Amino acid sequence: ADHIGEPSEAVRLALAGRDNLNDGARDPDLDARLAAVQARAAAAMGHAADCRRLLARAERTVGANRDQPLSPWVNSFDEGALASDTARCMIRLDDLGEARRQAERVVALRPETRAPRSHAFGKLVLATIMIEQGEVDEACALVHDLVESTAPLSSNLVLNQLIALQQRLEVFSHRSAVVADAVDHVRTVLPQRRWLQHRLTITRSREPTSGFKP
């Protein structure tokens, strides 16, 4: 709901999820995830105080002792994931200083060798913030790094955010050779990345299913 621009529905669903948690075994990380989702929706609606209150709740809750092992149906949610959500909230609230601090935290908590996709997302957000703060040449250095480091990834989200970053930089390309070079670098690799993504999608669609997998 948040991704398709329906923040009030995202709040409703997050609250429903947290109500359901109250009826079962304690799961602090899932509670923190739902609070972070609700915070992102609050930020989208411009409710800064609610957003910060919910992020504080998530920060207090994440990593706390749980009553039982993590369910196989639930993705893990940790400090790195919370930092990523917090950075996006702060961008929505136009608090770029805190957004940058949280994005840098994501990069530090998600080493490229262990979590390349999350590391890339952290750098993509960081580069976006740097552009907004006027550090365009510095952002270009990150863009060159991202083009190389994301080559092995097949994530459509990473590709789309790289395209969005290129479009942000195009505004400045006539002012700086550094920016023009970064934009050209992204433009050069995009056709190949799109082709590889298309081929991967086709390959996956042709794979036989072997029954239900949670």
N, C-alpha and C. Protein backbone atom coordinates (compact mmCIF):
# COMPACT_ATOMS: atom_id res chain seq x y z
N ALA A 1 0.83 -1.21 0.00
CA ALA A 1 0.00 0.00 0.00
C ALA A 1 0.86 1.25 0.00
N ASP A 2 1.95 1.21 0.76
CA ASP A 2 2.85 2.38 0.80
C ASP A 2 3.49 2.61 -0.56
N HIS A 3 3.92 1.53 -1.21
CA HIS A 3 4.61 1.65 -2.49
C HIS A 3 3.70 2.18 -3.60
N ILE A 4 2.41 1.91 -3.51
CA ILE A 4 1.50 2.37 -4.57
C ILE A 4 0.80 3.67 -4.20
N GLY A 5 1.31 4.34 -3.14
CA GLY A 5 0.80 5.67 -2.82
C GLY A 5 -0.48 5.69 -2.04
N GLU A 6 -0.71 4.67 -1.19
CA GLU A 6 -1.89 4.65 -0.34
C GLU A 6 -1.46 4.54 1.12
N PRO A 7 -0.87 5.60 1.67
CA PRO A 7 -0.31 5.53 3.02
C PRO A 7 -1.35 5.26 4.10
N SER A 8 -2.56 5.79 3.96
CA SER A 8 -3.58 5.55 4.99
C SER A 8 -3.93 4.07 5.06
N GLU A 9 -3.95 3.40 3.90
CA GLU A 9 -4.20 1.95 3.89
C GLU A 9 -3.02 1.20 4.49
N ALA A 10 -1.81 1.70 4.25
CA ALA A 10 -0.63 1.08 4.86
C ALA A 10 -0.70 1.15 6.38
N VAL A 11 -1.15 2.29 6.91
CA VAL A 11 -1.32 2.43 8.35
C VAL A 11 -2.35 1.44 8.87
N ARG A 12 -3.47 1.34 8.18
CA ARG A 12 -4.53 0.43 8.61
C ARG A 12 -4.03 -1.01 8.66
N LEU A 13 -3.31 -1.42 7.62
CA LEU A 13 -2.81 -2.80 7.56
C LEU A 13 -1.74 -3.06 8.61
N ALA A 14 -0.88 -2.08 8.84
CA ALA A 14 0.16 -2.24 9.85
C ALA A 14 -0.46 -2.38 11.24
N LEU A 15 -1.49 -1.57 11.53
CA LEU A 15 -2.17 -1.67 12.82
C LEU A 15 -2.87 -3.01 12.98
N ALA A 16 -3.47 -3.49 11.88
CA ALA A 16 -4.12 -4.81 11.93
C ALA A 16 -3.10 -5.90 12.21
N GLY A 17 -1.94 -5.78 11.58
CA GLY A 17 -0.88 -6.76 11.83
C GLY A 17 -0.43 -6.74 13.28
N ARG A 18 -0.27 -5.55 13.84
CA ARG A 18 0.17 -5.45 15.23
C ARG A 18 -0.90 -5.97 16.18
N ASP A 19 -2.19 -5.78 15.85
CA ASP A 19 -3.26 -6.35 16.66
C ASP A 19 -3.19 -7.87 16.65
N ASN A 20 -2.90 -8.45 15.49
CA ASN A 20 -2.78 -9.90 15.39
C ASN A 20 -1.60 -10.42 16.21
N LEU A 21 -0.52 -9.65 16.24
CA LEU A 21 0.64 -10.06 17.03
C LEU A 21 0.30 -10.17 18.51
N ASN A 22 -0.60 -9.31 18.97
CA ASN A 22 -0.97 -9.33 20.39
C ASN A 22 -1.67 -10.62 20.79
N ASP A 23 -2.22 -11.33 19.81
CA ASP A 23 -2.94 -12.57 20.09
C ASP A 23 -2.05 -13.80 20.07
N GLY A 24 -0.79 -13.64 19.68
CA GLY A 24 0.09 -14.79 19.56
C GLY A 24 1.36 -14.63 20.35
N ALA A 25 2.36 -15.45 20.02
CA ALA A 25 3.64 -15.37 20.68
C ALA A 25 4.33 -14.06 20.34
N ARG A 26 5.10 -13.53 21.27
CA ARG A 26 5.76 -12.24 21.08
C ARG A 26 6.81 -12.35 19.97
N ASP A 27 6.76 -11.44 19.01
CA ASP A 27 7.73 -11.40 17.91
C ASP A 27 8.20 -9.95 17.75
N PRO A 28 9.22 -9.56 18.51
CA PRO A 28 9.62 -8.14 18.53
C PRO A 28 10.10 -7.61 17.18
N ASP A 29 10.78 -8.45 16.39
CA ASP A 29 11.29 -7.96 15.11
C ASP A 29 10.15 -7.69 14.13
N LEU A 30 9.12 -8.55 14.14
CA LEU A 30 7.97 -8.30 13.27
C LEU A 30 7.19 -7.08 13.75
N ASP A 31 7.10 -6.91 15.06
CA ASP A 31 6.47 -5.72 15.60
C ASP A 31 7.22 -4.46 15.14
N ALA A 32 8.57 -4.53 15.19
CA ALA A 32 9.39 -3.40 14.75
C ALA A 32 9.20 -3.13 13.26
N ARG A 33 9.11 -4.17 12.46
CA ARG A 33 8.90 -4.00 11.02
C ARG A 33 7.57 -3.29 10.75
N LEU A 34 6.53 -3.72 11.44
CA LEU A 34 5.21 -3.10 11.22
C LEU A 34 5.21 -1.65 11.69
N ALA A 35 5.91 -1.36 12.78
CA ALA A 35 6.02 0.03 13.24
C ALA A 35 6.77 0.87 12.20
N ALA A 36 7.80 0.29 11.59
CA ALA A 36 8.57 1.01 10.57
C ALA A 36 7.72 1.26 9.32
N VAL A 37 6.91 0.27 8.93
CA VAL A 37 5.99 0.46 7.80
C VAL A 37 5.02 1.59 8.09
N GLN A 38 4.48 1.58 9.31
CA GLN A 38 3.54 2.63 9.70
C GLN A 38 4.24 3.99 9.72
N ALA A 39 5.51 4.01 10.14
CA ALA A 39 6.27 5.26 10.17
C ALA A 39 6.47 5.81 8.76
N ARG A 40 6.76 4.93 7.80
CA ARG A 40 6.94 5.38 6.42
C ARG A 40 5.65 5.98 5.88
N ALA A 41 4.52 5.36 6.23
CA ALA A 41 3.24 5.90 5.78
C ALA A 41 2.97 7.25 6.44
N ALA A 42 3.30 7.37 7.73
CA ALA A 42 3.11 8.64 8.43
C ALA A 42 3.96 9.74 7.79
N ALA A 43 5.20 9.39 7.42
CA ALA A 43 6.07 10.36 6.77
C ALA A 43 5.49 10.80 5.43
N ALA A 44 4.91 9.84 4.69
CA ALA A 44 4.31 10.17 3.40
C ALA A 44 3.16 11.15 3.55
N MET A 45 2.47 11.09 4.69
CA MET A 45 1.35 11.99 4.93
C MET A 45 1.78 13.28 5.62
N GLY A 46 3.10 13.41 5.88
CA GLY A 46 3.62 14.61 6.50
C GLY A 46 3.43 14.67 8.00
N HIS A 47 3.15 13.53 8.63
CA HIS A 47 2.93 13.47 10.07
C HIS A 47 4.27 13.17 10.76
N ALA A 48 5.09 14.21 10.90
CA ALA A 48 6.46 14.02 11.38
C ALA A 48 6.52 13.46 12.79
N ALA A 49 5.70 13.99 13.70
CA ALA A 49 5.74 13.54 15.09
C ALA A 49 5.37 12.07 15.20
N ASP A 50 4.31 11.66 14.48
CA ASP A 50 3.91 10.25 14.50
C ASP A 50 5.01 9.37 13.92
N CYS A 51 5.62 9.83 12.84
CA CYS A 51 6.69 9.06 12.20
C CYS A 51 7.84 8.82 13.17
N ARG A 52 8.29 9.88 13.83
CA ARG A 52 9.43 9.74 14.75
C ARG A 52 9.06 8.88 15.96
N ARG A 53 7.84 8.99 16.44
CA ARG A 53 7.40 8.16 17.56
C ARG A 53 7.42 6.68 17.18
N LEU A 54 6.96 6.37 15.99
CA LEU A 54 6.92 4.99 15.53
C LEU A 54 8.32 4.44 15.28
N LEU A 55 9.20 5.26 14.75
CA LEU A 55 10.59 4.82 14.56
C LEU A 55 11.26 4.56 15.89
N ALA A 56 10.95 5.39 16.90
CA ALA A 56 11.51 5.17 18.23
C ALA A 56 11.01 3.85 18.80
N ARG A 57 9.74 3.54 18.58
CA ARG A 57 9.18 2.26 19.03
C ARG A 57 9.90 1.10 18.36
N ALA A 58 10.10 1.22 17.05
CA ALA A 58 10.79 0.16 16.31
C ALA A 58 12.22 -0.02 16.82
N GLU A 59 12.89 1.09 17.12
CA GLU A 59 14.26 1.02 17.61
C GLU A 59 14.32 0.33 18.98
N ARG A 60 13.34 0.60 19.84
CA ARG A 60 13.31 -0.05 21.15
C ARG A 60 13.02 -1.54 21.04
N THR A 61 12.26 -1.91 20.03
CA THR A 61 11.75 -3.28 19.92
C THR A 61 12.68 -4.21 19.15
N VAL A 62 13.30 -3.71 18.09
CA VAL A 62 14.08 -4.59 17.21
C VAL A 62 15.22 -5.25 17.99
N GLY A 63 15.39 -6.55 17.77
CA GLY A 63 16.46 -7.28 18.41
C GLY A 63 16.16 -7.76 19.82
N ALA A 64 14.97 -7.45 20.34
CA ALA A 64 14.62 -7.91 21.69
C ALA A 64 14.39 -9.42 21.69
N ASN A 65 14.40 -10.00 22.86
CA ASN A 65 14.20 -11.45 22.98
C ASN A 65 12.80 -11.83 22.50
N ARG A 66 12.74 -12.93 21.78
CA ARG A 66 11.46 -13.41 21.27
C ARG A 66 11.01 -14.63 22.07
N ASP A 67 9.71 -14.91 22.02
CA ASP A 67 9.15 -16.03 22.76
C ASP A 67 9.39 -17.37 22.09
N GLN A 68 9.61 -17.35 20.77
CA GLN A 68 9.82 -18.59 20.03
C GLN A 68 10.67 -18.29 18.81
N PRO A 69 11.23 -19.35 18.14
CA PRO A 69 12.07 -19.10 16.96
C PRO A 69 11.32 -18.34 15.87
N LEU A 70 12.10 -17.63 15.03
CA LEU A 70 11.51 -16.87 13.92
C LEU A 70 10.73 -17.79 12.99
N SER A 71 9.54 -17.39 12.64
CA SER A 71 8.71 -18.16 11.72
C SER A 71 9.35 -18.17 10.33
N PRO A 72 9.28 -19.31 9.61
CA PRO A 72 9.82 -19.35 8.24
C PRO A 72 9.04 -18.47 7.28
N TRP A 73 7.86 -17.99 7.72
CA TRP A 73 7.05 -17.13 6.87
C TRP A 73 7.46 -15.67 6.98
N VAL A 74 8.34 -15.35 7.91
CA VAL A 74 8.67 -13.96 8.20
C VAL A 74 10.13 -13.68 7.87
N ASN A 75 10.38 -12.68 7.04
CA ASN A 75 11.75 -12.25 6.78
C ASN A 75 12.32 -11.59 8.03
N SER A 76 13.62 -11.72 8.20
CA SER A 76 14.26 -11.10 9.36
C SER A 76 14.23 -9.58 9.21
N PHE A 77 14.22 -8.89 10.35
CA PHE A 77 14.23 -7.44 10.38
C PHE A 77 15.19 -7.04 11.49
N ASP A 78 16.23 -6.29 11.14
CA ASP A 78 17.26 -5.98 12.11
C ASP A 78 17.61 -4.49 12.05
N GLU A 79 18.70 -4.10 12.68
CA GLU A 79 19.08 -2.69 12.74
C GLU A 79 19.37 -2.11 11.36
N GLY A 80 19.94 -2.92 10.48
CA GLY A 80 20.21 -2.44 9.13
C GLY A 80 18.93 -2.15 8.36
N ALA A 81 17.96 -3.04 8.49
CA ALA A 81 16.67 -2.83 7.82
C ALA A 81 15.96 -1.61 8.39
N LEU A 82 16.04 -1.44 9.71
CA LEU A 82 15.41 -0.28 10.34
C LEU A 82 16.10 1.01 9.90
N ALA A 83 17.42 0.99 9.78
CA ALA A 83 18.15 2.17 9.32
C ALA A 83 17.72 2.55 7.90
N SER A 84 17.50 1.54 7.06
CA SER A 84 17.06 1.80 5.68
C SER A 84 15.68 2.45 5.67
N ASP A 85 14.76 1.92 6.46
CA ASP A 85 13.42 2.51 6.53
C ASP A 85 13.48 3.91 7.12
N THR A 86 14.33 4.12 8.13
CA THR A 86 14.45 5.43 8.75
C THR A 86 14.98 6.46 7.74
N ALA A 87 15.97 6.06 6.94
CA ALA A 87 16.52 6.97 5.93
C ALA A 87 15.43 7.40 4.96
N ARG A 88 14.61 6.47 4.52
CA ARG A 88 13.54 6.81 3.59
C ARG A 88 12.49 7.72 4.24
N CYS A 89 12.22 7.47 5.52
CA CYS A 89 11.30 8.35 6.24
C CYS A 89 11.85 9.77 6.31
N MET A 90 13.12 9.89 6.63
CA MET A 90 13.71 11.22 6.80
C MET A 90 13.77 11.98 5.47
N ILE A 91 13.96 11.26 4.37
CA ILE A 91 13.91 11.91 3.05
C ILE A 91 12.51 12.49 2.83
N ARG A 92 11.49 11.71 3.17
CA ARG A 92 10.11 12.19 3.01
C ARG A 92 9.83 13.40 3.89
N LEU A 93 10.48 13.46 5.05
CA LEU A 93 10.28 14.58 5.97
C LEU A 93 11.26 15.72 5.71
N ASP A 94 12.10 15.55 4.68
CA ASP A 94 13.08 16.57 4.28
C ASP A 94 14.12 16.82 5.37
N ASP A 95 14.41 15.80 6.17
CA ASP A 95 15.49 15.88 7.16
C ASP A 95 16.69 15.16 6.55
N LEU A 96 17.39 15.84 5.64
CA LEU A 96 18.43 15.17 4.87
C LEU A 96 19.65 14.81 5.71
N GLY A 97 19.92 15.59 6.75
CA GLY A 97 21.05 15.27 7.60
C GLY A 97 20.88 13.93 8.29
N GLU A 98 19.71 13.71 8.88
CA GLU A 98 19.44 12.43 9.54
C GLU A 98 19.31 11.31 8.51
N ALA A 99 18.71 11.62 7.36
CA ALA A 99 18.59 10.62 6.30
C ALA A 99 19.97 10.14 5.87
N ARG A 100 20.91 11.07 5.73
CA ARG A 100 22.26 10.69 5.32
C ARG A 100 22.94 9.85 6.40
N ARG A 101 22.77 10.21 7.66
CA ARG A 101 23.37 9.44 8.74
C ARG A 101 22.86 8.00 8.73
N GLN A 102 21.57 7.85 8.51
CA GLN A 102 20.98 6.50 8.49
C GLN A 102 21.42 5.72 7.26
N ALA A 103 21.53 6.39 6.10
CA ALA A 103 21.99 5.71 4.89
C ALA A 103 23.43 5.24 5.06
N GLU A 104 24.27 6.06 5.67
CA GLU A 104 25.65 5.67 5.93
C GLU A 104 25.70 4.49 6.90
N ARG A 105 24.75 4.46 7.82
CA ARG A 105 24.67 3.33 8.76
C ARG A 105 24.30 2.04 8.03
N VAL A 106 23.39 2.14 7.07
CA VAL A 106 23.02 0.96 6.28
C VAL A 106 24.26 0.41 5.57
N VAL A 107 25.02 1.29 4.94
CA VAL A 107 26.22 0.86 4.21
C VAL A 107 27.20 0.17 5.16
N ALA A 108 27.33 0.71 6.37
CA ALA A 108 28.25 0.12 7.35
C ALA A 108 27.75 -1.21 7.89
N LEU A 109 26.43 -1.32 8.11
CA LEU A 109 25.86 -2.54 8.68
C LEU A 109 25.64 -3.65 7.66
N ARG A 110 25.66 -3.29 6.38
CA ARG A 110 25.44 -4.26 5.31
C ARG A 110 26.68 -4.33 4.41
N PRO A 111 27.73 -5.02 4.84
CA PRO A 111 28.94 -5.11 4.02
C PRO A 111 28.64 -5.69 2.64
N GLU A 112 29.31 -5.16 1.65
CA GLU A 112 29.07 -5.61 0.27
C GLU A 112 29.34 -7.10 0.10
N THR A 113 30.31 -7.62 0.85
CA THR A 113 30.67 -9.03 0.71
C THR A 113 29.60 -9.96 1.26
N ARG A 114 28.78 -9.48 2.21
CA ARG A 114 27.78 -10.34 2.83
C ARG A 114 26.37 -10.03 2.37
N ALA A 115 26.09 -8.78 2.07
CA ALA A 115 24.73 -8.38 1.68
C ALA A 115 24.80 -7.38 0.53
N PRO A 116 25.20 -7.84 -0.66
CA PRO A 116 25.43 -6.89 -1.76
C PRO A 116 24.20 -6.09 -2.16
N ARG A 117 23.02 -6.71 -2.13
CA ARG A 117 21.81 -5.99 -2.55
C ARG A 117 21.47 -4.89 -1.55
N SER A 118 21.49 -5.21 -0.26
CA SER A 118 21.19 -4.20 0.77
C SER A 118 22.25 -3.11 0.77
N HIS A 119 23.51 -3.50 0.57
CA HIS A 119 24.60 -2.53 0.50
C HIS A 119 24.37 -1.55 -0.67
N ALA A 120 23.95 -2.10 -1.80
CA ALA A 120 23.68 -1.27 -2.97
C ALA A 120 22.53 -0.31 -2.70
N PHE A 121 21.46 -0.80 -2.06
CA PHE A 121 20.33 0.08 -1.74
C PHE A 121 20.77 1.22 -0.84
N GLY A 122 21.63 0.91 0.14
CA GLY A 122 22.13 1.95 1.03
C GLY A 122 22.89 3.02 0.26
N LYS A 123 23.72 2.60 -0.67
CA LYS A 123 24.50 3.56 -1.45
C LYS A 123 23.62 4.34 -2.43
N LEU A 124 22.60 3.70 -2.97
CA LEU A 124 21.68 4.40 -3.85
C LEU A 124 20.96 5.53 -3.11
N VAL A 125 20.50 5.23 -1.91
CA VAL A 125 19.85 6.25 -1.09
C VAL A 125 20.85 7.35 -0.73
N LEU A 126 22.06 6.94 -0.36
CA LEU A 126 23.09 7.91 0.02
C LEU A 126 23.42 8.84 -1.14
N ALA A 127 23.55 8.29 -2.34
CA ALA A 127 23.85 9.12 -3.51
C ALA A 127 22.73 10.11 -3.79
N THR A 128 21.49 9.66 -3.63
CA THR A 128 20.34 10.55 -3.83
C THR A 128 20.37 11.71 -2.84
N ILE A 129 20.69 11.42 -1.59
CA ILE A 129 20.76 12.46 -0.56
C ILE A 129 21.89 13.44 -0.88
N MET A 130 23.03 12.94 -1.31
CA MET A 130 24.16 13.80 -1.63
C MET A 130 23.82 14.77 -2.76
N ILE A 131 23.06 14.29 -3.74
CA ILE A 131 22.62 15.18 -4.82
C ILE A 131 21.74 16.28 -4.26
N GLU A 132 20.80 15.90 -3.39
CA GLU A 132 19.89 16.88 -2.80
C GLU A 132 20.66 17.89 -1.94
N GLN A 133 21.78 17.49 -1.36
CA GLN A 133 22.58 18.37 -0.52
C GLN A 133 23.60 19.18 -1.31
N GLY A 134 23.59 19.01 -2.63
CA GLY A 134 24.49 19.78 -3.48
C GLY A 134 25.86 19.17 -3.68
N GLU A 135 26.09 17.96 -3.18
CA GLU A 135 27.38 17.29 -3.33
C GLU A 135 27.32 16.37 -4.56
N VAL A 136 27.11 17.00 -5.71
CA VAL A 136 26.81 16.24 -6.92
C VAL A 136 28.04 15.46 -7.40
N ASP A 137 29.21 16.09 -7.41
CA ASP A 137 30.42 15.40 -7.86
C ASP A 137 30.73 14.20 -6.97
N GLU A 138 30.54 14.37 -5.65
CA GLU A 138 30.77 13.28 -4.72
C GLU A 138 29.79 12.13 -4.97
N ALA A 139 28.54 12.49 -5.30
CA ALA A 139 27.55 11.46 -5.62
C ALA A 139 27.94 10.69 -6.87
N CYS A 140 28.58 11.37 -7.81
CA CYS A 140 29.00 10.70 -9.05
C CYS A 140 30.02 9.60 -8.78
N ALA A 141 30.90 9.82 -7.79
CA ALA A 141 31.87 8.79 -7.43
C ALA A 141 31.14 7.54 -6.95
N LEU A 142 30.05 7.73 -6.18
CA LEU A 142 29.25 6.60 -5.73
C LEU A 142 28.55 5.92 -6.90
N VAL A 143 28.11 6.71 -7.87
CA VAL A 143 27.43 6.15 -9.04
C VAL A 143 28.36 5.22 -9.81
N HIS A 144 29.60 5.66 -10.04
CA HIS A 144 30.56 4.79 -10.73
C HIS A 144 30.75 3.49 -9.97
N ASP A 145 30.87 3.60 -8.65
CA ASP A 145 31.04 2.41 -7.81
C ASP A 145 29.82 1.51 -7.91
N LEU A 146 28.62 2.10 -7.89
CA LEU A 146 27.39 1.32 -7.97
C LEU A 146 27.25 0.59 -9.29
N VAL A 147 27.64 1.24 -10.37
CA VAL A 147 27.56 0.60 -11.69
C VAL A 147 28.39 -0.68 -11.71
N GLU A 148 29.58 -0.62 -11.11
CA GLU A 148 30.45 -1.79 -11.10
C GLU A 148 30.00 -2.83 -10.09
N SER A 149 29.64 -2.39 -8.89
CA SER A 149 29.34 -3.34 -7.82
C SER A 149 28.00 -4.04 -8.00
N THR A 150 27.07 -3.43 -8.74
CA THR A 150 25.76 -4.05 -8.93
C THR A 150 25.68 -4.90 -10.18
N ALA A 151 26.78 -5.01 -10.91
CA ALA A 151 26.77 -5.80 -12.15
C ALA A 151 26.32 -7.25 -11.92
N PRO A 152 26.74 -7.92 -10.82
CA PRO A 152 26.31 -9.31 -10.63
C PRO A 152 24.87 -9.44 -10.14
N LEU A 153 24.23 -8.35 -9.73
CA LEU A 153 22.89 -8.43 -9.16
C LEU A 153 21.83 -8.47 -10.26
N SER A 154 20.77 -9.21 -9.99
CA SER A 154 19.67 -9.31 -10.97
C SER A 154 18.42 -8.59 -10.47
N SER A 155 18.59 -7.71 -9.49
CA SER A 155 17.44 -7.03 -8.88
C SER A 155 16.87 -5.96 -9.79
N ASN A 156 15.59 -6.09 -10.08
CA ASN A 156 14.91 -5.07 -10.88
C ASN A 156 14.80 -3.75 -10.11
N LEU A 157 14.65 -3.84 -8.77
CA LEU A 157 14.58 -2.63 -7.95
C LEU A 157 15.88 -1.85 -8.00
N VAL A 158 17.01 -2.56 -7.92
CA VAL A 158 18.31 -1.89 -8.01
C VAL A 158 18.45 -1.20 -9.36
N LEU A 159 18.06 -1.89 -10.43
CA LEU A 159 18.16 -1.32 -11.77
C LEU A 159 17.29 -0.06 -11.88
N ASN A 160 16.06 -0.13 -11.39
CA ASN A 160 15.16 1.02 -11.49
C ASN A 160 15.67 2.21 -10.69
N GLN A 161 16.26 1.94 -9.52
CA GLN A 161 16.79 3.05 -8.72
C GLN A 161 18.05 3.64 -9.35
N LEU A 162 18.83 2.80 -10.03
CA LEU A 162 20.00 3.31 -10.75
C LEU A 162 19.56 4.22 -11.89
N ILE A 163 18.49 3.85 -12.58
CA ILE A 163 17.93 4.68 -13.64
C ILE A 163 17.42 6.01 -13.07
N ALA A 164 16.73 5.94 -11.92
CA ALA A 164 16.23 7.16 -11.28
C ALA A 164 17.38 8.07 -10.88
N LEU A 165 18.48 7.48 -10.43
CA LEU A 165 19.65 8.27 -10.05
C LEU A 165 20.26 8.95 -11.28
N GLN A 166 20.32 8.23 -12.38
CA GLN A 166 20.83 8.82 -13.63
C GLN A 166 19.97 10.01 -14.05
N GLN A 167 18.66 9.86 -13.92
CA GLN A 167 17.75 10.94 -14.32
C GLN A 167 17.93 12.17 -13.43
N ARG A 168 18.20 11.96 -12.15
CA ARG A 168 18.47 13.09 -11.25
C ARG A 168 19.74 13.82 -11.66
N LEU A 169 20.75 13.05 -12.07
CA LEU A 169 22.03 13.65 -12.42
C LEU A 169 21.99 14.38 -13.76
N GLU A 170 21.11 13.96 -14.65
CA GLU A 170 21.05 14.57 -15.98
C GLU A 170 20.81 16.08 -15.90
N VAL A 171 20.13 16.53 -14.87
CA VAL A 171 19.84 17.96 -14.69
C VAL A 171 21.14 18.76 -14.58
N PHE A 172 22.19 18.10 -14.03
CA PHE A 172 23.45 18.79 -13.77
C PHE A 172 24.53 18.48 -14.80
N SER A 173 24.22 17.62 -15.78
CA SER A 173 25.26 17.12 -16.67
C SER A 173 25.88 18.21 -17.54
N HIS A 174 25.13 19.29 -17.83
CA HIS A 174 25.68 20.35 -18.67
C HIS A 174 26.62 21.26 -17.90
N ARG A 175 26.62 21.14 -16.56
CA ARG A 175 27.44 22.02 -15.73
C ARG A 175 28.79 21.42 -15.37
N SER A 176 28.92 20.11 -15.48
CA SER A 176 30.12 19.45 -14.96
C SER A 176 30.49 18.25 -15.82
N ALA A 177 31.77 18.18 -16.18
CA ALA A 177 32.26 17.02 -16.94
C ALA A 177 32.20 15.76 -16.09
N VAL A 178 32.37 15.91 -14.78
CA VAL A 178 32.30 14.76 -13.87
C VAL A 178 30.91 14.15 -13.90
N VAL A 179 29.89 15.01 -13.86
CA VAL A 179 28.51 14.54 -13.89
C VAL A 179 28.17 13.93 -15.25
N ALA A 180 28.59 14.59 -16.31
CA ALA A 180 28.32 14.08 -17.66
C ALA A 180 28.93 12.70 -17.84
N ASP A 181 30.13 12.50 -17.30
CA ASP A 181 30.80 11.20 -17.40
C ASP A 181 30.02 10.13 -16.64
N ALA A 182 29.50 10.47 -15.45
CA ALA A 182 28.73 9.51 -14.66
C ALA A 182 27.44 9.13 -15.37
N VAL A 183 26.77 10.14 -15.95
CA VAL A 183 25.53 9.88 -16.68
C VAL A 183 25.79 8.97 -17.87
N ASP A 184 26.86 9.25 -18.63
CA ASP A 184 27.22 8.43 -19.78
C ASP A 184 27.55 7.00 -19.36
N HIS A 185 28.21 6.87 -18.20
CA HIS A 185 28.57 5.54 -17.71
C HIS A 185 27.32 4.70 -17.46
N VAL A 186 26.32 5.31 -16.80
CA VAL A 186 25.08 4.58 -16.54
C VAL A 186 24.37 4.26 -17.85
N ARG A 187 24.31 5.24 -18.76
CA ARG A 187 23.63 5.02 -20.04
C ARG A 187 24.27 3.87 -20.82
N THR A 188 25.57 3.72 -20.68
CA THR A 188 26.28 2.68 -21.42
C THR A 188 25.89 1.29 -20.95
N VAL A 189 25.72 1.14 -19.63
CA VAL A 189 25.46 -0.21 -19.10
C VAL A 189 23.98 -0.56 -19.08
N LEU A 190 23.10 0.45 -19.16
CA LEU A 190 21.67 0.17 -19.02
C LEU A 190 21.12 -0.80 -20.05
N PRO A 191 21.44 -0.67 -21.35
CA PRO A 191 20.87 -1.62 -22.31
C PRO A 191 21.22 -3.06 -21.99
N GLN A 192 22.46 -3.31 -21.61
CA GLN A 192 22.87 -4.67 -21.27
C GLN A 192 22.16 -5.16 -20.01
N ARG A 193 22.05 -4.28 -19.00
CA ARG A 193 21.38 -4.67 -17.76
C ARG A 193 19.90 -4.99 -18.01
N ARG A 194 19.26 -4.16 -18.85
CA ARG A 194 17.85 -4.41 -19.17
C ARG A 194 17.70 -5.73 -19.91
N TRP A 195 18.61 -6.00 -20.82
CA TRP A 195 18.54 -7.25 -21.59
C TRP A 195 18.73 -8.44 -20.67
N LEU A 196 19.71 -8.37 -19.77
CA LEU A 196 19.95 -9.47 -18.83
C LEU A 196 18.76 -9.68 -17.92
N GLN A 197 18.16 -8.57 -17.46
CA GLN A 197 16.98 -8.68 -16.61
C GLN A 197 15.83 -9.34 -17.35
N HIS A 198 15.66 -8.98 -18.62
CA HIS A 198 14.60 -9.56 -19.44
C HIS A 198 14.84 -11.05 -19.62
N ARG A 199 16.08 -11.44 -19.92
CA ARG A 199 16.39 -12.86 -20.12
C ARG A 199 16.17 -13.64 -18.83
N LEU A 200 16.53 -13.05 -17.70
CA LEU A 200 16.35 -13.72 -16.42
C LEU A 200 14.87 -13.93 -16.12
N THR A 201 14.06 -12.92 -16.43
CA THR A 201 12.62 -13.03 -16.21
C THR A 201 12.03 -14.16 -17.04
N ILE A 202 12.46 -14.25 -18.30
CA ILE A 202 11.97 -15.32 -19.18
C ILE A 202 12.39 -16.68 -18.65
N THR A 203 13.66 -16.79 -18.23
CA THR A 203 14.17 -18.06 -17.72
C THR A 203 13.39 -18.52 -16.49
N ARG A 204 13.14 -17.59 -15.59
CA ARG A 204 12.40 -17.93 -14.37
C ARG A 204 10.96 -18.34 -14.67
N SER A 205 10.36 -17.69 -15.68
CA SER A 205 8.98 -18.01 -16.01
C SER A 205 8.85 -19.40 -16.61
N ARG A 206 9.96 -19.92 -17.17
CA ARG A 206 9.93 -21.24 -17.79
C ARG A 206 10.33 -22.35 -16.85
N GLU A 207 10.80 -22.00 -15.64
CA GLU A 207 11.22 -23.02 -14.69
C GLU A 207 9.99 -23.78 -14.19
N PRO A 208 10.08 -25.12 -14.17
CA PRO A 208 8.94 -25.91 -13.65
C PRO A 208 8.79 -25.72 -12.16
N THR A 209 7.55 -25.72 -11.70
CA THR A 209 7.29 -25.63 -10.26
C THR A 209 7.30 -27.02 -9.68
N SER A 210 7.77 -27.15 -8.45
CA SER A 210 7.89 -28.46 -7.82
C SER A 210 7.07 -28.50 -6.54
N GLY A 211 5.85 -27.97 -6.61
CA GLY A 211 5.00 -27.99 -5.43
C GLY A 211 5.11 -26.70 -4.64
N PHE A 212 4.38 -26.66 -3.57
CA PHE A 212 4.29 -25.46 -2.75
C PHE A 212 5.54 -25.28 -1.92
N LYS A 213 6.09 -24.05 -1.93
CA LYS A 213 7.25 -23.73 -1.11
C LYS A 213 6.96 -22.45 -0.35
N PRO A 214 7.05 -22.48 0.98
CA PRO A 214 6.79 -21.27 1.75
C PRO A 214 7.88 -20.24 1.53
